[in-house]
Amino acid sequence: MREVREWSAPATRILRKHRDPVVVQTLRSATAATIAYVIALRLSPEQAPLTAPLTALLVVQVTLYATLTNGFRRVNAVVTGVLVAIAFSLLVGLTWWSLALLLVASLAVGRLVRVEEYVPEVAISAMLVLGVTTVGNTAWARVVETLIGATVGLACNLLLAPPVWVEEAGESIDGLARRLRQLMLRMGEEAAGHTPVDRAEERLYEARRLDHDIIEVDAALRQAEDSLRLNPRVREGLLHRVVLRTGLDTLEICTVVLRVLARSFTDLAKEREPEPLFETETGAALEQLLSEIADAVVSFAVLVTTHLSESAESAEERLATELRTAAGTRDKLALLLREDAERETRHWQLLGAVLTEVNRILDELDTEHRSRRLFEELDRVSGEQRARLPRLTRLRERLGVQEQLWRDRAGLGGRSR
């Protein structure tokens, strides 16, 4: 049994890696490049048609949407470079000065045909074609190999369905929410006692560092959004994208407000040192309120990352309950802060700022506010799609895929209005 456990542990770790972006990208790219090379050996006149596997390697991306867009730009870049090289070979041939002109012309034309990150590929293709003697055959071979590589790369994504990275994006959002919760809990504990200025400043720096976490979560979310576009395995890609994006927007606003709250705590610590930040009863109420808001932030993250309607309803009910409890504590804190401000009029602005900032967080987490933003974003995005793709929109309407269906099935991200 012990040997079985020893062998099963590495196997378990390998299985957990099967959806890792690096692993998926490596396996898919290697497979596509190998297949493209085998096909090019039969169809290309060259003995070593390496352009085909190179094209497949560059075309294949983790998501189908990225493969389609990159494949088109890649083929466009190579064909453009070949045409530029043919024109130069007919006019001037290969010299040092014609090579310089070729590079300038290729890079300039690459910008004009909008191949974006593949602009250098235009110049590379042009140099490779111009550098050989049999220009016609080589140019044709390059085009054929490029088409083979792009076709194989696209076929690999169609046959080997690319993964959907919604779960990974949800984990990133959940991780951000839990880091927000930990910071709120620490700030609440310190607000209930004596907080030196240096410790308050440390919490402010922690709040500022959360901006980097938001950047990482946004990158994960963008990958998830790309994986949902044009993916045949996903039926409600738009709804998934909008729910996750609006959820991240809310957490980002909460992060900004928490940073402002940490700034208020720091200013208050400077004003009141060596005294505590708040009176004993006020500090205890603030600690309780931040603890309740911290729990609500995590519940909000669970809500926006839940896929099943029943689970979403349960998460929304839990969030609504926590927000009602926090609102009651907020009202109690408001009375205590008003009494403190009346006793110490020189601090009334900072005390009022604390109440304003916790109110803003509660407003952002409010379920009705979130539902309204979700529906508005769905209206906006679907309107843009109708304007950009009117024929596809009419086809969807004939098939019964109506915008109201998204709303009726919005249990993915909550149903309240």
Protein backbone atom coordinates (compact mmCIF):
# COMPACT_ATOMS: atom_id res chain seq x y z
CA MET A 1 0.00 0.00 0.00
CA ARG A 2 2.81 2.36 0.83
CA GLU A 3 4.36 1.80 -2.62
CA VAL A 4 1.00 2.48 -4.25
CA ARG A 5 0.69 5.77 -2.37
CA GLU A 6 4.23 6.73 -3.32
CA TRP A 7 3.46 6.12 -6.99
CA SER A 8 0.02 7.71 -6.89
CA ALA A 9 1.20 11.04 -5.46
CA PRO A 10 3.27 12.02 -8.53
CA ALA A 11 0.49 10.76 -10.81
CA THR A 12 -2.01 12.95 -8.97
CA ARG A 13 0.21 15.98 -9.40
CA ILE A 14 0.53 15.23 -13.12
CA LEU A 15 -3.24 14.96 -13.49
CA ARG A 16 -3.69 18.27 -11.73
CA LYS A 17 -1.34 19.84 -14.28
CA HIS A 18 -3.37 18.68 -17.29
CA ARG A 19 -5.18 22.02 -17.49
CA ASP A 20 -2.18 24.21 -16.77
CA PRO A 21 -1.84 26.82 -19.56
CA VAL A 22 1.88 26.12 -20.05
CA VAL A 23 1.36 22.35 -20.30
CA VAL A 24 -1.61 22.70 -22.65
CA GLN A 25 0.21 25.18 -24.87
CA THR A 26 3.34 22.99 -25.07
CA LEU A 27 1.50 19.80 -26.00
CA ARG A 28 -0.84 21.45 -28.51
CA SER A 29 1.96 23.41 -30.19
CA ALA A 30 4.25 20.38 -30.47
CA THR A 31 1.45 18.27 -31.91
CA ALA A 32 0.43 20.88 -34.46
CA ALA A 33 4.01 21.56 -35.56
CA THR A 34 4.76 17.87 -36.04
CA ILE A 35 1.61 17.21 -38.06
CA ALA A 36 2.24 20.32 -40.21
CA TYR A 37 5.79 19.15 -40.99
CA VAL A 38 4.64 15.66 -42.01
CA ILE A 39 2.00 17.10 -44.35
CA ALA A 40 4.40 19.67 -45.80
CA LEU A 41 6.94 16.93 -46.64
CA ARG A 42 4.39 15.51 -49.07
CA LEU A 43 3.06 18.75 -50.55
CA SER A 44 6.00 21.17 -50.56
CA PRO A 45 8.81 20.95 -53.16
CA GLU A 46 11.43 21.77 -50.51
CA GLN A 47 13.40 19.03 -48.77
CA ALA A 48 13.01 20.55 -45.29
CA PRO A 49 9.76 22.56 -45.26
CA LEU A 50 10.27 24.12 -41.85
CA THR A 51 7.99 27.05 -42.57
CA ALA A 52 4.94 24.82 -42.04
CA PRO A 53 5.79 23.72 -38.48
CA LEU A 54 7.00 27.22 -37.66
CA THR A 55 3.67 28.66 -38.79
CA ALA A 56 1.71 26.05 -36.85
CA LEU A 57 3.84 26.74 -33.78
CA LEU A 58 3.08 30.44 -33.93
CA VAL A 59 -0.56 30.06 -34.92
CA VAL A 60 -1.67 27.60 -32.25
CA GLN A 61 -2.69 29.43 -29.10
CA VAL A 62 -4.41 28.29 -25.92
CA THR A 63 -7.80 29.56 -27.09
CA LEU A 64 -9.68 29.05 -30.35
CA TYR A 65 -10.33 32.79 -30.70
CA ALA A 66 -6.61 33.56 -30.48
CA THR A 67 -5.83 30.82 -33.00
CA LEU A 68 -8.29 32.22 -35.55
CA THR A 69 -7.08 35.81 -35.20
CA ASN A 70 -3.37 34.91 -35.07
CA GLY A 71 -3.68 32.46 -37.95
CA PHE A 72 -5.17 35.06 -40.26
CA ARG A 73 -2.54 37.66 -39.35
CA ARG A 74 0.26 35.10 -39.67
CA VAL A 75 -0.77 34.00 -43.17
CA ASN A 76 -1.29 37.62 -44.17
CA ALA A 77 2.21 38.53 -42.96
CA VAL A 78 3.98 35.71 -44.80
CA VAL A 79 2.11 36.19 -48.06
CA THR A 80 2.79 39.93 -47.92
CA GLY A 81 6.50 39.29 -47.37
CA VAL A 82 6.62 36.86 -50.30
CA LEU A 83 4.96 39.36 -52.65
CA VAL A 84 7.36 42.12 -51.59
CA ALA A 85 10.32 39.79 -52.20
CA ILE A 86 9.06 38.82 -55.65
CA ALA A 87 8.74 42.47 -56.61
CA PHE A 88 12.29 43.25 -55.42
CA SER A 89 13.79 40.17 -57.12
CA LEU A 90 12.30 41.18 -60.45
CA LEU A 91 13.48 44.77 -60.16
CA VAL A 92 16.86 44.90 -58.38
CA GLY A 93 17.93 41.48 -57.12
CA LEU A 94 19.90 40.95 -53.90
CA THR A 95 22.53 43.53 -52.90
CA TRP A 96 23.37 45.19 -49.63
CA TRP A 97 21.40 48.30 -50.48
CA SER A 98 18.44 46.37 -51.92
CA LEU A 99 18.32 44.32 -48.71
CA ALA A 100 18.10 47.56 -46.70
CA LEU A 101 15.31 48.83 -48.94
CA LEU A 102 13.58 45.46 -48.68
CA LEU A 103 13.56 45.62 -44.89
CA VAL A 104 12.21 49.16 -44.84
CA ALA A 105 9.54 48.35 -47.42
CA SER A 106 8.53 45.10 -45.69
CA LEU A 107 8.14 46.72 -42.27
CA ALA A 108 6.21 49.63 -43.76
CA VAL A 109 3.88 47.36 -45.75
CA GLY A 110 3.42 45.18 -42.66
CA ARG A 111 2.06 48.19 -40.80
CA LEU A 112 -0.28 49.01 -43.65
CA VAL A 113 -1.81 45.51 -43.88
CA ARG A 114 -2.39 45.46 -40.10
CA VAL A 115 -0.65 42.24 -39.12
CA GLU A 116 0.12 43.76 -35.69
CA GLU A 117 2.68 41.64 -33.79
CA TYR A 118 3.63 39.78 -36.99
CA VAL A 119 5.16 42.83 -38.68
CA PRO A 120 8.71 41.37 -38.32
CA GLU A 121 7.45 38.19 -40.02
CA VAL A 122 6.82 40.20 -43.20
CA ALA A 123 10.49 41.19 -43.34
CA ILE A 124 11.67 37.67 -42.40
CA SER A 125 9.63 36.08 -45.17
CA ALA A 126 10.84 38.62 -47.70
CA MET A 127 14.52 38.06 -46.82
CA LEU A 128 14.22 34.26 -46.97
CA VAL A 129 12.60 34.37 -50.40
CA LEU A 130 14.94 37.03 -51.80
CA GLY A 131 17.99 35.12 -50.55
CA VAL A 132 17.50 32.15 -52.87
CA THR A 133 17.92 31.85 -56.59
CA THR A 134 14.72 30.12 -57.67
CA VAL A 135 12.42 32.83 -56.56
CA GLY A 136 9.23 31.52 -58.13
CA ASN A 137 9.37 28.00 -56.69
CA THR A 138 10.54 29.24 -53.30
CA ALA A 139 7.81 31.84 -53.07
CA TRP A 140 5.16 29.27 -53.94
CA ALA A 141 6.62 26.80 -51.43
CA ARG A 142 6.58 29.42 -48.68
CA VAL A 143 2.93 30.22 -49.33
CA VAL A 144 1.97 26.53 -49.41
CA GLU A 145 3.86 25.77 -46.19
CA THR A 146 2.33 28.78 -44.47
CA LEU A 147 -1.17 27.71 -45.45
CA ILE A 148 -0.45 24.16 -44.26
CA GLY A 149 0.81 25.37 -40.89
CA ALA A 150 -2.12 27.73 -40.34
CA THR A 151 -4.65 25.08 -41.39
CA VAL A 152 -3.15 22.45 -39.10
CA GLY A 153 -3.04 24.90 -36.21
CA LEU A 154 -6.70 25.72 -36.65
CA ALA A 155 -7.63 22.05 -37.07
CA CYS A 156 -5.88 21.15 -33.83
CA ASN A 157 -8.03 23.64 -31.96
CA LEU A 158 -11.19 22.35 -33.63
CA LEU A 159 -10.44 18.65 -33.12
CA LEU A 160 -8.65 18.98 -29.78
CA ALA A 161 -11.11 21.36 -28.16
CA PRO A 162 -9.26 24.11 -26.30
CA PRO A 163 -9.91 24.36 -22.55
CA VAL A 164 -12.22 26.96 -21.07
CA TRP A 165 -10.38 28.98 -18.46
CA VAL A 166 -13.43 30.21 -16.57
CA GLU A 167 -12.60 28.08 -13.54
CA GLU A 168 -9.07 29.50 -13.33
CA ALA A 169 -10.40 33.05 -13.64
CA GLY A 170 -12.93 32.30 -10.90
CA GLU A 171 -10.16 31.04 -8.64
CA SER A 172 -8.22 34.27 -9.25
CA ILE A 173 -11.27 36.38 -8.35
CA ASP A 174 -11.87 34.27 -5.25
CA GLY A 175 -8.22 34.65 -4.24
CA LEU A 176 -8.42 38.44 -4.60
CA ALA A 177 -11.58 38.53 -2.45
CA ARG A 178 -9.91 36.50 0.29
CA ARG A 179 -6.88 38.79 0.32
CA LEU A 180 -9.25 41.73 0.66
CA ARG A 181 -10.92 39.92 3.55
CA GLN A 182 -7.65 39.33 5.37
CA LEU A 183 -6.65 42.97 5.08
CA MET A 184 -10.07 44.13 6.34
CA LEU A 185 -9.85 41.82 9.33
CA ARG A 186 -6.40 43.12 10.26
CA MET A 187 -7.52 46.73 9.91
CA GLY A 188 -10.58 46.03 12.07
CA GLU A 189 -8.54 44.37 14.81
CA GLU A 190 -6.09 47.26 14.92
CA ALA A 191 -8.87 49.86 14.86
CA ALA A 192 -10.25 48.37 18.09
CA GLY A 193 -6.96 48.97 19.92
CA HIS A 194 -3.94 51.20 19.81
CA THR A 195 -2.55 51.56 16.29
CA PRO A 196 0.87 53.20 15.88
CA VAL A 197 1.39 55.32 12.79
CA ASP A 198 3.93 52.93 11.28
CA ARG A 199 1.48 50.03 11.53
CA ALA A 200 -1.30 52.08 9.93
CA GLU A 201 1.08 52.99 7.11
CA GLU A 202 1.94 49.33 6.68
CA ARG A 203 -1.73 48.52 6.12
CA LEU A 204 -1.90 51.36 3.60
CA TYR A 205 1.01 49.84 1.66
CA GLU A 206 -0.73 46.46 1.73
CA ALA A 207 -3.84 48.04 0.24
CA ARG A 208 -1.75 49.64 -2.49
CA ARG A 209 -0.11 46.29 -3.31
CA LEU A 210 -3.54 44.86 -4.04
CA ASP A 211 -3.44 46.83 -7.29
CA HIS A 212 -0.85 44.34 -8.59
CA ASP A 213 -3.17 41.48 -7.65
CA ILE A 214 -5.95 43.10 -9.68
CA ILE A 215 -3.65 43.23 -12.72
CA GLU A 216 -2.96 39.50 -12.40
CA VAL A 217 -6.64 38.69 -11.99
CA ASP A 218 -7.47 40.84 -15.01
CA ALA A 219 -4.95 38.88 -17.10
CA ALA A 220 -6.54 35.59 -16.02
CA LEU A 221 -9.97 36.99 -16.82
CA ARG A 222 -8.88 38.12 -20.28
CA GLN A 223 -7.64 34.61 -21.00
CA ALA A 224 -10.98 33.24 -19.85
CA GLU A 225 -12.84 35.73 -22.07
CA ASP A 226 -10.77 34.67 -25.08
CA SER A 227 -11.40 30.99 -24.35
CA LEU A 228 -15.17 31.64 -24.38
CA ARG A 229 -15.20 33.41 -27.73
CA LEU A 230 -16.03 31.16 -30.70
CA ASN A 231 -15.73 28.09 -28.48
CA PRO A 232 -18.18 25.37 -29.62
CA ARG A 233 -18.28 23.89 -26.12
CA VAL A 234 -19.74 27.04 -24.58
CA ARG A 235 -23.38 28.04 -25.08
CA GLU A 236 -23.54 31.13 -22.85
CA GLY A 237 -20.11 32.62 -23.38
CA LEU A 238 -21.36 36.22 -23.29
CA LEU A 239 -23.10 35.71 -19.96
CA HIS A 240 -20.03 34.09 -18.42
CA ARG A 241 -17.83 36.94 -19.60
CA VAL A 242 -20.14 39.71 -18.40
CA VAL A 243 -20.71 38.11 -14.99
CA LEU A 244 -17.00 37.66 -14.32
CA ARG A 245 -16.05 41.08 -15.70
CA THR A 246 -18.64 43.00 -13.69
CA GLY A 247 -17.65 40.98 -10.62
CA LEU A 248 -14.01 41.95 -11.01
CA ASP A 249 -15.02 45.59 -11.56
CA THR A 250 -16.89 45.56 -8.24
CA LEU A 251 -13.94 44.03 -6.38
CA GLU A 252 -11.62 46.58 -7.95
CA ILE A 253 -13.82 49.43 -6.71
CA CYS A 254 -13.89 47.85 -3.24
CA THR A 255 -10.09 47.64 -3.34
CA VAL A 256 -9.79 51.32 -4.20
CA VAL A 257 -12.20 52.31 -1.41
CA LEU A 258 -10.34 50.09 1.07
CA ARG A 259 -7.12 51.86 0.15
CA VAL A 260 -8.82 55.20 0.85
CA LEU A 261 -10.04 53.81 4.18
CA ALA A 262 -6.49 52.77 5.04
CA ARG A 263 -5.42 56.32 4.18
CA SER A 264 -8.03 57.70 6.58
CA PHE A 265 -6.82 55.35 9.32
CA THR A 266 -3.25 56.52 8.75
CA ASP A 267 -4.20 60.20 8.91
CA LEU A 268 -6.26 59.56 12.04
CA ALA A 269 -3.35 57.72 13.67
CA LYS A 270 -1.10 60.72 13.02
CA GLU A 271 -3.68 63.08 14.53
CA ARG A 272 -4.46 61.01 17.63
CA GLU A 273 -1.07 59.50 18.49
CA PRO A 274 -0.36 58.27 21.16
CA GLU A 275 -4.10 57.75 21.78
CA PRO A 276 -6.09 54.90 20.14
CA LEU A 277 -7.70 55.51 16.77
CA PHE A 278 -11.24 55.31 18.18
CA GLU A 279 -13.03 55.16 21.47
CA THR A 280 -13.42 51.65 22.88
CA GLU A 281 -17.05 51.14 21.90
CA THR A 282 -16.56 52.76 18.49
CA GLY A 283 -13.49 50.65 17.76
CA ALA A 284 -15.35 47.46 18.67
CA ALA A 285 -18.25 48.39 16.38
CA LEU A 286 -15.87 49.20 13.54
CA GLU A 287 -14.05 45.89 14.00
CA GLN A 288 -17.35 44.04 13.86
CA LEU A 289 -18.45 45.95 10.75
CA LEU A 290 -15.20 45.32 8.85
CA SER A 291 -15.43 41.64 9.77
CA GLU A 292 -18.97 41.45 8.40
CA ILE A 293 -18.01 43.33 5.22
CA ALA A 294 -15.02 41.02 4.78
CA ASP A 295 -17.30 37.98 4.87
CA ALA A 296 -19.64 39.67 2.40
CA VAL A 297 -16.76 40.27 -0.02
CA VAL A 298 -15.96 36.55 -0.07
CA SER A 299 -19.65 35.68 -0.50
CA PHE A 300 -19.81 38.11 -3.41
CA ALA A 301 -16.85 36.37 -5.07
CA VAL A 302 -18.53 33.00 -4.57
CA LEU A 303 -21.69 34.41 -6.16
CA VAL A 304 -20.04 35.68 -9.34
CA THR A 305 -17.97 32.51 -9.81
CA THR A 306 -20.83 30.04 -9.24
CA HIS A 307 -22.09 28.28 -12.36
CA LEU A 308 -25.19 26.43 -11.17
CA SER A 309 -28.46 28.32 -10.68
CA GLU A 310 -29.33 26.70 -7.34
CA SER A 311 -25.87 27.37 -5.92
CA ALA A 312 -26.04 30.95 -7.18
CA GLU A 313 -29.37 31.51 -5.45
CA SER A 314 -27.97 30.15 -2.19
CA ALA A 315 -24.88 32.34 -2.50
CA GLU A 316 -27.02 35.40 -3.22
CA GLU A 317 -29.25 34.77 -0.22
CA ARG A 318 -26.19 34.42 2.00
CA LEU A 319 -24.73 37.65 0.63
CA ALA A 320 -28.01 39.52 1.15
CA THR A 321 -28.19 38.30 4.75
CA GLU A 322 -24.62 39.37 5.46
CA LEU A 323 -25.22 42.79 3.92
CA ARG A 324 -28.34 43.32 6.04
CA THR A 325 -26.37 42.43 9.16
CA ALA A 326 -23.56 44.77 8.13
CA ALA A 327 -26.05 47.57 7.46
CA GLY A 328 -27.36 47.26 11.02
CA THR A 329 -23.83 47.44 12.41
CA ARG A 330 -23.12 50.40 10.12
CA ASP A 331 -26.09 52.30 11.59
CA LYS A 332 -24.80 51.64 15.09
CA LEU A 333 -21.32 52.80 14.09
CA ALA A 334 -22.76 55.97 12.54
CA LEU A 335 -24.29 57.00 15.87
CA LEU A 336 -21.05 56.32 17.73
CA LEU A 337 -18.97 58.24 15.21
CA ARG A 338 -21.33 61.22 15.44
CA GLU A 339 -20.95 61.25 19.23
CA ASP A 340 -17.16 61.05 18.89
CA ALA A 341 -17.17 63.89 16.37
CA GLU A 342 -19.23 66.06 18.67
CA ARG A 343 -16.74 65.48 21.50
CA GLU A 344 -13.66 66.00 19.35
CA THR A 345 -14.61 68.44 16.63
CA ARG A 346 -11.07 68.60 15.18
CA HIS A 347 -11.39 65.01 13.91
CA TRP A 348 -14.92 65.13 12.52
CA GLN A 349 -13.78 65.10 8.87
CA LEU A 350 -11.73 61.91 9.27
CA LEU A 351 -14.48 60.22 11.27
CA GLY A 352 -17.01 61.13 8.62
CA ALA A 353 -14.68 59.82 5.90
CA VAL A 354 -14.51 56.42 7.63
CA LEU A 355 -18.30 56.14 7.58
CA THR A 356 -18.48 57.29 3.95
CA GLU A 357 -15.95 54.69 2.82
CA VAL A 358 -17.60 51.71 4.48
CA ASN A 359 -20.91 52.89 2.98
CA ARG A 360 -19.38 52.87 -0.48
CA ILE A 361 -18.22 49.28 -0.11
CA LEU A 362 -21.66 48.19 1.08
CA ASP A 363 -23.28 49.96 -1.86
CA GLU A 364 -20.98 48.23 -4.36
CA LEU A 365 -21.74 44.80 -2.90
CA ASP A 366 -25.50 45.38 -2.84
CA THR A 367 -27.29 42.63 -4.81
CA GLU A 368 -29.76 44.99 -6.50
CA HIS A 369 -26.94 47.30 -7.54
CA ARG A 370 -25.02 44.34 -8.95
CA SER A 371 -28.02 42.95 -10.85
CA ARG A 372 -28.71 46.35 -12.38
CA ARG A 373 -25.10 46.67 -13.54
CA LEU A 374 -25.16 43.12 -14.90
CA PHE A 375 -28.27 43.75 -17.00
CA GLU A 376 -26.97 47.11 -18.21
CA GLU A 377 -23.71 45.50 -19.31
CA LEU A 378 -25.57 42.69 -21.06
CA ASP A 379 -27.67 45.31 -22.89
CA ARG A 380 -24.58 47.25 -23.87
CA VAL A 381 -22.57 44.25 -25.13
CA SER A 382 -25.50 42.66 -26.96
CA GLY A 383 -26.27 46.03 -28.57
CA GLU A 384 -22.70 46.28 -29.81
CA GLN A 385 -22.95 42.77 -31.22
CA ARG A 386 -26.20 43.59 -33.03
CA ALA A 387 -24.61 46.66 -34.58
CA ARG A 388 -21.43 44.80 -35.55
CA LEU A 389 -23.00 41.51 -36.67
CA PRO A 390 -26.62 42.21 -37.67
CA ARG A 391 -27.03 39.04 -39.76
CA LEU A 392 -25.75 36.76 -37.02
CA THR A 393 -28.03 38.49 -34.54
CA ARG A 394 -31.08 37.93 -36.75
CA LEU A 395 -30.12 34.26 -37.14
CA ARG A 396 -29.90 33.85 -33.37
CA GLU A 397 -33.27 35.46 -32.92
CA ARG A 398 -34.80 33.04 -35.44
CA LEU A 399 -33.30 30.15 -33.51
CA GLY A 400 -34.81 31.47 -30.31
CA VAL A 401 -31.61 32.57 -28.64
CA GLN A 402 -33.07 35.77 -27.31
CA GLU A 403 -31.54 38.27 -24.97
CA GLN A 404 -34.33 37.48 -22.51
CA LEU A 405 -33.00 33.94 -22.29
CA TRP A 406 -29.78 35.27 -20.84
CA ARG A 407 -31.72 37.10 -18.17
CA ASP A 408 -33.95 34.14 -17.37
CA ARG A 409 -30.91 31.94 -16.96
CA ALA A 410 -28.88 34.52 -15.06
CA GLY A 411 -28.71 32.12 -12.15
CA LEU A 412 -25.07 31.83 -13.15
CA GLY A 413 -24.49 35.18 -11.53
CA GLY A 414 -27.58 35.84 -9.47
CA ARG A 415 -31.27 36.41 -10.14
CA SER A 416 -32.26 39.29 -8.00
CA ARG A 417 -33.38 42.54 -9.47
